[in-house]
Amino acid sequence: MKKKVFLTRRLHDFALKELKKKYQIEVHSGKIPVTQTKLRSKIKDVNGLICFPYDKIDSKLMDLAKNLKVISTYSVGFDHIDWSYAKKKKIRVGYTPNVLTDATADLAFALLIDILRKVSEGDRIIRDGRWREIYGAYDYVGLDLQNKTLGILGLGRIGSTLAKRAKAFGINVIYHNRKRVSRSKEKTLGVKYASFQKMISRSDIISIHVPHTTQTDQMFDMK
């Protein structure tokens, strides 16, 4: 008899096809995230759960799941899962590290270019029919990227990938990490370590790549 797996959201058809070869699959079909009430009712007799970041998988939910052996989250992060309690219950937890590293670094760099070169700002002016308001020849040229200093808070997978993109555009990169990375990695990436305060004062742009924890909460304010 096939093991039962509940999915809190529909996956791509090819993924569902593969899962159905080995498991009895049930998928939440609603257009909004599954409610905790429904999740509690569905988890009681399943062997596996495939969830998403907006699903809260806590100890109370796991206590209801007498047959649950595996939780797999369709995400890089797993803050929504009580990992330590799952370990205590001998429930294995899977996630998808690295799959969004390049995509996130690309988006971070796209936003950097957008801000410095006023791409979105200029686009809005044109779409609103206000191009006649542009008097100066250089009003929406923005700033050069070359020789600017980018401060990266958190030189992990994403921060390191962002550093590579920035260096290719001639941007100076400094970083602050909870623990300084090896000198060989600094040399490979072409980055320099700085204290938190020095990174703040020296950077033209700051990109934050640390998890939201009690230690990082309110690290920055409007000033």
C-alpha atoms as a PDB file:
ATOM      1  CA  MET A   1       0.000   0.000   0.000  1.00  0.00           C
ATOM      2  CA  LYS A   2       1.313   3.439  -0.945  1.00  0.00           C
ATOM      3  CA  LYS A   3       2.327   5.896   1.764  1.00  0.00           C
ATOM      4  CA  LYS A   4       0.150   9.001   2.088  1.00  0.00           C
ATOM      5  CA  VAL A   5       1.579  12.450   1.348  1.00  0.00           C
ATOM      6  CA  PHE A   6      -0.262  15.742   1.729  1.00  0.00           C
ATOM      7  CA  LEU A   7       0.806  18.855  -0.216  1.00  0.00           C
ATOM      8  CA  THR A   8      -0.250  22.264   1.062  1.00  0.00           C
ATOM      9  CA  ARG A   9      -0.017  23.668  -2.457  1.00  0.00           C
ATOM     10  CA  ARG A  10       0.010  22.280  -5.987  1.00  0.00           C
ATOM     11  CA  LEU A  11       3.417  21.620  -7.520  1.00  0.00           C
ATOM     12  CA  HIS A  12       4.298  21.503 -11.210  1.00  0.00           C
ATOM     13  CA  ASP A  13       2.603  18.668 -13.091  1.00  0.00           C
ATOM     14  CA  PHE A  14       5.872  16.842 -13.769  1.00  0.00           C
ATOM     15  CA  ALA A  15       6.686  16.831 -10.040  1.00  0.00           C
ATOM     16  CA  LEU A  16       3.236  15.526  -9.121  1.00  0.00           C
ATOM     17  CA  LYS A  17       3.552  12.824 -11.764  1.00  0.00           C
ATOM     18  CA  GLU A  18       6.770  11.568 -10.173  1.00  0.00           C
ATOM     19  CA  LEU A  19       5.318  11.658  -6.670  1.00  0.00           C
ATOM     20  CA  LYS A  20       2.208   9.733  -7.713  1.00  0.00           C
ATOM     21  CA  LYS A  21       4.361   6.851  -8.938  1.00  0.00           C
ATOM     22  CA  LYS A  22       5.333   6.015  -5.363  1.00  0.00           C
ATOM     23  CA  TYR A  23       2.866   7.750  -3.064  1.00  0.00           C
ATOM     24  CA  GLN A  24      -0.820   8.374  -2.511  1.00  0.00           C
ATOM     25  CA  ILE A  25      -1.011  12.124  -3.062  1.00  0.00           C
ATOM     26  CA  GLU A  26      -3.535  14.670  -1.833  1.00  0.00           C
ATOM     27  CA  VAL A  27      -3.121  18.333  -2.741  1.00  0.00           C
ATOM     28  CA  HIS A  28      -4.724  21.383  -1.156  1.00  0.00           C
ATOM     29  CA  SER A  29      -6.679  22.856  -4.049  1.00  0.00           C
ATOM     30  CA  GLY A  30      -7.609  26.256  -2.672  1.00  0.00           C
ATOM     31  CA  LYS A  31      -6.311  29.510  -4.109  1.00  0.00           C
ATOM     32  CA  ILE A  32      -5.330  30.713  -0.648  1.00  0.00           C
ATOM     33  CA  PRO A  33      -2.885  28.999   1.753  1.00  0.00           C
ATOM     34  CA  VAL A  34      -4.239  26.025   3.650  1.00  0.00           C
ATOM     35  CA  THR A  35      -5.719  26.940   7.033  1.00  0.00           C
ATOM     36  CA  GLN A  36      -4.315  25.500  10.250  1.00  0.00           C
ATOM     37  CA  THR A  37      -7.691  23.860  10.858  1.00  0.00           C
ATOM     38  CA  LYS A  38      -7.557  21.976   7.564  1.00  0.00           C
ATOM     39  CA  LEU A  39      -3.880  21.164   8.017  1.00  0.00           C
ATOM     40  CA  ARG A  40      -4.588  19.672  11.446  1.00  0.00           C
ATOM     41  CA  SER A  41      -7.303  17.456  10.002  1.00  0.00           C
ATOM     42  CA  LYS A  42      -5.215  16.302   7.039  1.00  0.00           C
ATOM     43  CA  ILE A  43      -1.993  15.600   8.905  1.00  0.00           C
ATOM     44  CA  LYS A  44      -3.478  13.033  11.279  1.00  0.00           C
ATOM     45  CA  ASP A  45      -3.010  10.024   9.009  1.00  0.00           C
ATOM     46  CA  VAL A  46      -0.334  11.072   6.497  1.00  0.00           C
ATOM     47  CA  ASN A  47       3.208   9.726   6.308  1.00  0.00           C
ATOM     48  CA  GLY A  48       4.687  12.726   4.547  1.00  0.00           C
ATOM     49  CA  LEU A  49       4.030  16.462   4.319  1.00  0.00           C
ATOM     50  CA  ILE A  50       5.201  18.829   1.596  1.00  0.00           C
ATOM     51  CA  CYS A  51       4.746  22.401   2.777  1.00  0.00           C
ATOM     52  CA  PHE A  52       5.622  26.009   1.954  1.00  0.00           C
ATOM     53  CA  PRO A  53       7.108  28.920   3.964  1.00  0.00           C
ATOM     54  CA  TYR A  54       3.714  30.319   4.939  1.00  0.00           C
ATOM     55  CA  ASP A  55       2.655  27.032   6.594  1.00  0.00           C
ATOM     56  CA  LYS A  56       3.254  26.942  10.339  1.00  0.00           C
ATOM     57  CA  ILE A  57       4.515  23.489  11.289  1.00  0.00           C
ATOM     58  CA  ASP A  58       4.783  23.586  15.073  1.00  0.00           C
ATOM     59  CA  SER A  59       4.869  21.059  17.908  1.00  0.00           C
ATOM     60  CA  LYS A  60       1.079  21.031  18.306  1.00  0.00           C
ATOM     61  CA  LEU A  61       0.645  20.062  14.670  1.00  0.00           C
ATOM     62  CA  MET A  62       3.302  17.357  14.867  1.00  0.00           C
ATOM     63  CA  ASP A  63       1.700  15.852  17.959  1.00  0.00           C
ATOM     64  CA  LEU A  64      -1.419  15.187  15.877  1.00  0.00           C
ATOM     65  CA  ALA A  65       0.581  13.427  13.171  1.00  0.00           C
ATOM     66  CA  LYS A  66       0.956   9.910  14.544  1.00  0.00           C
ATOM     67  CA  ASN A  67       2.265   8.458  11.273  1.00  0.00           C
ATOM     68  CA  LEU A  68       4.311  11.412  10.027  1.00  0.00           C
ATOM     69  CA  LYS A  69       7.882  10.494   9.089  1.00  0.00           C
ATOM     70  CA  VAL A  70       8.970  13.261   6.706  1.00  0.00           C
ATOM     71  CA  ILE A  71       8.378  17.000   6.331  1.00  0.00           C
ATOM     72  CA  SER A  72       9.723  18.608   3.167  1.00  0.00           C
ATOM     73  CA  THR A  73       9.485  22.350   2.653  1.00  0.00           C
ATOM     74  CA  TYR A  74       9.521  23.923  -0.786  1.00  0.00           C
ATOM     75  CA  SER A  75      11.895  26.666   0.330  1.00  0.00           C
ATOM     76  CA  VAL A  76      15.448  27.588   1.225  1.00  0.00           C
ATOM     77  CA  GLY A  77      14.469  28.700   4.725  1.00  0.00           C
ATOM     78  CA  PHE A  78      12.827  26.548   7.366  1.00  0.00           C
ATOM     79  CA  ASP A  79      11.949  29.033  10.121  1.00  0.00           C
ATOM     80  CA  HIS A  80       8.298  27.998   9.830  1.00  0.00           C
ATOM     81  CA  ILE A  81       9.117  24.480  11.026  1.00  0.00           C
ATOM     82  CA  ASP A  82       9.938  23.585  14.627  1.00  0.00           C
ATOM     83  CA  TRP A  83      13.066  21.733  13.569  1.00  0.00           C
ATOM     84  CA  SER A  84      14.212  20.731  17.064  1.00  0.00           C
ATOM     85  CA  TYR A  85      10.799  19.276  17.917  1.00  0.00           C
ATOM     86  CA  ALA A  86      10.725  17.361  14.643  1.00  0.00           C
ATOM     87  CA  LYS A  87      14.106  15.889  15.534  1.00  0.00           C
ATOM     88  CA  LYS A  88      12.764  14.914  18.959  1.00  0.00           C
ATOM     89  CA  LYS A  89       9.818  13.181  17.269  1.00  0.00           C
ATOM     90  CA  LYS A  90      12.223  11.496  14.816  1.00  0.00           C
ATOM     91  CA  ILE A  91      10.575  13.235  11.879  1.00  0.00           C
ATOM     92  CA  ARG A  92      13.014  13.991   9.085  1.00  0.00           C
ATOM     93  CA  VAL A  93      12.971  17.505   7.653  1.00  0.00           C
ATOM     94  CA  GLY A  94      14.040  18.361   4.118  1.00  0.00           C
ATOM     95  CA  TYR A  95      14.484  21.723   2.411  1.00  0.00           C
ATOM     96  CA  THR A  96      15.961  23.114  -0.812  1.00  0.00           C
ATOM     97  CA  PRO A  97      19.243  24.942  -0.119  1.00  0.00           C
ATOM     98  CA  ASN A  98      21.099  26.784  -2.911  1.00  0.00           C
ATOM     99  CA  VAL A  99      18.280  26.703  -5.473  1.00  0.00           C
ATOM    100  CA  LEU A 100      17.583  30.438  -5.091  1.00  0.00           C
ATOM    101  CA  THR A 101      21.147  31.667  -4.573  1.00  0.00           C
ATOM    102  CA  ASP A 102      21.703  32.987  -8.101  1.00  0.00           C
ATOM    103  CA  ALA A 103      18.143  34.251  -8.466  1.00  0.00           C
ATOM    104  CA  THR A 104      18.301  36.209  -5.202  1.00  0.00           C
ATOM    105  CA  ALA A 105      21.717  37.665  -6.022  1.00  0.00           C
ATOM    106  CA  ASP A 106      20.444  38.660  -9.481  1.00  0.00           C
ATOM    107  CA  LEU A 107      17.430  40.444  -7.994  1.00  0.00           C
ATOM    108  CA  ALA A 108      19.554  42.196  -5.373  1.00  0.00           C
ATOM    109  CA  PHE A 109      21.911  43.439  -8.077  1.00  0.00           C
ATOM    110  CA  ALA A 110      19.002  44.451 -10.312  1.00  0.00           C
ATOM    111  CA  LEU A 111      17.641  46.592  -7.472  1.00  0.00           C
ATOM    112  CA  LEU A 112      21.094  48.116  -6.975  1.00  0.00           C
ATOM    113  CA  ILE A 113      21.252  49.156 -10.641  1.00  0.00           C
ATOM    114  CA  ASP A 114      17.655  50.354 -10.497  1.00  0.00           C
ATOM    115  CA  ILE A 115      18.367  52.663  -7.558  1.00  0.00           C
ATOM    116  CA  LEU A 116      21.640  54.084  -8.850  1.00  0.00           C
ATOM    117  CA  ARG A 117      20.458  54.529 -12.440  1.00  0.00           C
ATOM    118  CA  LYS A 118      16.892  55.630 -11.544  1.00  0.00           C
ATOM    119  CA  VAL A 119      15.392  53.044 -13.892  1.00  0.00           C
ATOM    120  CA  SER A 120      12.011  52.665 -12.168  1.00  0.00           C
ATOM    121  CA  GLU A 121      11.817  56.366 -11.377  1.00  0.00           C
ATOM    122  CA  GLY A 122      12.354  57.303 -15.020  1.00  0.00           C
ATOM    123  CA  ASP A 123       9.930  54.616 -16.180  1.00  0.00           C
ATOM    124  CA  ARG A 124       7.177  56.046 -13.965  1.00  0.00           C
ATOM    125  CA  ILE A 125       7.779  59.562 -15.306  1.00  0.00           C
ATOM    126  CA  ILE A 126       7.365  58.334 -18.896  1.00  0.00           C
ATOM    127  CA  ARG A 127       4.322  56.138 -18.196  1.00  0.00           C
ATOM    128  CA  ASP A 128       2.610  58.991 -16.349  1.00  0.00           C
ATOM    129  CA  GLY A 129       3.172  61.292 -19.335  1.00  0.00           C
ATOM    130  CA  ARG A 130       5.339  63.623 -17.271  1.00  0.00           C
ATOM    131  CA  TRP A 131       8.497  63.520 -19.395  1.00  0.00           C
ATOM    132  CA  ARG A 132       8.248  67.265 -19.979  1.00  0.00           C
ATOM    133  CA  GLU A 133       9.089  67.670 -16.311  1.00  0.00           C
ATOM    134  CA  ILE A 134      12.603  66.465 -17.065  1.00  0.00           C
ATOM    135  CA  TYR A 135      14.540  69.688 -17.583  1.00  0.00           C
ATOM    136  CA  GLY A 136      18.127  68.747 -16.886  1.00  0.00           C
ATOM    137  CA  ALA A 137      19.983  66.591 -19.387  1.00  0.00           C
ATOM    138  CA  TYR A 138      21.260  64.397 -16.564  1.00  0.00           C
ATOM    139  CA  ASP A 139      18.219  64.363 -14.241  1.00  0.00           C
ATOM    140  CA  TYR A 140      17.588  60.664 -14.761  1.00  0.00           C
ATOM    141  CA  VAL A 141      21.010  59.434 -15.779  1.00  0.00           C
ATOM    142  CA  GLY A 142      21.688  58.445 -12.193  1.00  0.00           C
ATOM    143  CA  LEU A 143      25.062  57.504 -10.790  1.00  0.00           C
ATOM    144  CA  ASP A 144      27.921  55.401 -12.107  1.00  0.00           C
ATOM    145  CA  LEU A 145      28.319  51.973 -10.569  1.00  0.00           C
ATOM    146  CA  GLN A 146      32.043  51.894 -11.161  1.00  0.00           C
ATOM    147  CA  ASN A 147      34.126  52.751  -8.091  1.00  0.00           C
ATOM    148  CA  LYS A 148      31.085  52.852  -5.822  1.00  0.00           C
ATOM    149  CA  THR A 149      31.398  50.880  -2.577  1.00  0.00           C
ATOM    150  CA  LEU A 150      28.933  48.115  -1.826  1.00  0.00           C
ATOM    151  CA  GLY A 151      28.643  46.920   1.749  1.00  0.00           C
ATOM    152  CA  ILE A 152      27.370  43.363   2.112  1.00  0.00           C
ATOM    153  CA  LEU A 153      26.045  42.285   5.478  1.00  0.00           C
ATOM    154  CA  GLY A 154      26.333  38.514   5.513  1.00  0.00           C
ATOM    155  CA  LEU A 155      28.853  36.923   3.144  1.00  0.00           C
ATOM    156  CA  GLY A 156      27.123  33.561   2.852  1.00  0.00           C
ATOM    157  CA  ARG A 157      26.035  31.899  -0.379  1.00  0.00           C
ATOM    158  CA  ILE A 158      23.920  34.816  -1.597  1.00  0.00           C
ATOM    159  CA  GLY A 159      26.244  37.538  -0.342  1.00  0.00           C
ATOM    160  CA  SER A 160      29.233  35.886  -2.029  1.00  0.00           C
ATOM    161  CA  THR A 161      27.347  35.499  -5.309  1.00  0.00           C
ATOM    162  CA  LEU A 162      26.293  39.149  -5.179  1.00  0.00           C
ATOM    163  CA  ALA A 163      29.917  40.160  -4.586  1.00  0.00           C
ATOM    164  CA  LYS A 164      30.958  38.419  -7.822  1.00  0.00           C
ATOM    165  CA  ARG A 165      28.361  40.350  -9.807  1.00  0.00           C
ATOM    166  CA  ALA A 166      29.358  43.637  -8.214  1.00  0.00           C
ATOM    167  CA  LYS A 167      33.075  43.145  -8.896  1.00  0.00           C
ATOM    168  CA  ALA A 168      32.304  42.516 -12.575  1.00  0.00           C
ATOM    169  CA  PHE A 169      30.832  46.039 -12.717  1.00  0.00           C
ATOM    170  CA  GLY A 170      33.876  47.633 -11.111  1.00  0.00           C
ATOM    171  CA  ILE A 171      32.266  48.093  -7.705  1.00  0.00           C
ATOM    172  CA  ASN A 172      34.380  47.991  -4.561  1.00  0.00           C
ATOM    173  CA  VAL A 173      33.000  45.445  -2.107  1.00  0.00           C
ATOM    174  CA  ILE A 174      33.381  45.404   1.652  1.00  0.00           C
ATOM    175  CA  TYR A 175      31.519  43.077   3.969  1.00  0.00           C
ATOM    176  CA  HIS A 176      30.680  42.368   7.561  1.00  0.00           C
ATOM    177  CA  ASN A 177      30.038  38.888   8.848  1.00  0.00           C
ATOM    178  CA  ARG A 178      29.433  37.390  12.247  1.00  0.00           C
ATOM    179  CA  LYS A 179      32.687  35.549  11.625  1.00  0.00           C
ATOM    180  CA  ARG A 180      35.291  36.772   9.171  1.00  0.00           C
ATOM    181  CA  VAL A 181      35.717  34.448   6.190  1.00  0.00           C
ATOM    182  CA  SER A 182      39.095  33.032   5.213  1.00  0.00           C
ATOM    183  CA  ARG A 183      41.674  35.295   3.605  1.00  0.00           C
ATOM    184  CA  SER A 184      41.720  33.013   0.570  1.00  0.00           C
ATOM    185  CA  LYS A 185      37.965  33.503   0.065  1.00  0.00           C
ATOM    186  CA  GLU A 186      38.368  37.271   0.470  1.00  0.00           C
ATOM    187  CA  LYS A 187      41.076  37.221  -2.175  1.00  0.00           C
ATOM    188  CA  THR A 188      39.030  35.050  -4.547  1.00  0.00           C
ATOM    189  CA  LEU A 189      35.989  37.320  -4.259  1.00  0.00           C
ATOM    190  CA  GLY A 190      38.028  40.519  -4.171  1.00  0.00           C
ATOM    191  CA  VAL A 191      36.340  41.745  -0.993  1.00  0.00           C
ATOM    192  CA  LYS A 192      37.558  43.369   2.218  1.00  0.00           C
ATOM    193  CA  TYR A 193      36.331  42.831   5.759  1.00  0.00           C
ATOM    194  CA  ALA A 194      35.080  45.774   7.824  1.00  0.00           C
ATOM    195  CA  SER A 195      33.498  46.193  11.218  1.00  0.00           C
ATOM    196  CA  PHE A 196      29.759  46.829  11.181  1.00  0.00           C
ATOM    197  CA  GLN A 197      30.153  50.548  11.870  1.00  0.00           C
ATOM    198  CA  LYS A 198      32.915  50.994   9.283  1.00  0.00           C
ATOM    199  CA  MET A 199      30.878  49.153   6.680  1.00  0.00           C
ATOM    200  CA  ILE A 200      27.956  51.497   7.356  1.00  0.00           C
ATOM    201  CA  SER A 201      30.064  54.652   7.108  1.00  0.00           C
ATOM    202  CA  ARG A 202      32.079  53.635   4.036  1.00  0.00           C
ATOM    203  CA  SER A 203      29.351  52.115   1.847  1.00  0.00           C
ATOM    204  CA  ASP A 204      27.428  53.911  -0.889  1.00  0.00           C
ATOM    205  CA  ILE A 205      24.987  50.994  -0.991  1.00  0.00           C
ATOM    206  CA  ILE A 206      24.268  48.309   1.602  1.00  0.00           C
ATOM    207  CA  SER A 207      22.783  44.917   0.784  1.00  0.00           C
ATOM    208  CA  ILE A 208      21.538  42.785   3.676  1.00  0.00           C
ATOM    209  CA  HIS A 209      21.830  39.000   3.480  1.00  0.00           C
ATOM    210  CA  VAL A 210      21.317  37.698   7.000  1.00  0.00           C
ATOM    211  CA  PRO A 211      18.369  35.792   8.479  1.00  0.00           C
ATOM    212  CA  HIS A 212      15.820  37.628  10.587  1.00  0.00           C
ATOM    213  CA  THR A 213      16.644  36.604  14.153  1.00  0.00           C
ATOM    214  CA  THR A 214      16.592  38.243  17.573  1.00  0.00           C
ATOM    215  CA  GLN A 215      20.222  39.235  16.949  1.00  0.00           C
ATOM    216  CA  THR A 216      19.539  40.902  13.588  1.00  0.00           C
ATOM    217  CA  ASP A 217      16.133  42.385  14.416  1.00  0.00           C
ATOM    218  CA  GLN A 218      16.174  46.217  14.200  1.00  0.00           C
ATOM    219  CA  MET A 219      19.818  46.246  13.144  1.00  0.00           C
ATOM    220  CA  PHE A 220      18.939  49.196  10.911  1.00  0.00           C
ATOM    221  CA  ASP A 221      16.642  52.160  11.380  1.00  0.00           C
ATOM    222  CA  MET A 222      15.629  55.091   9.164  1.00  0.00           C
ATOM    223  CA  LYS A 223      18.873  56.920   9.949  1.00  0.00           C
END
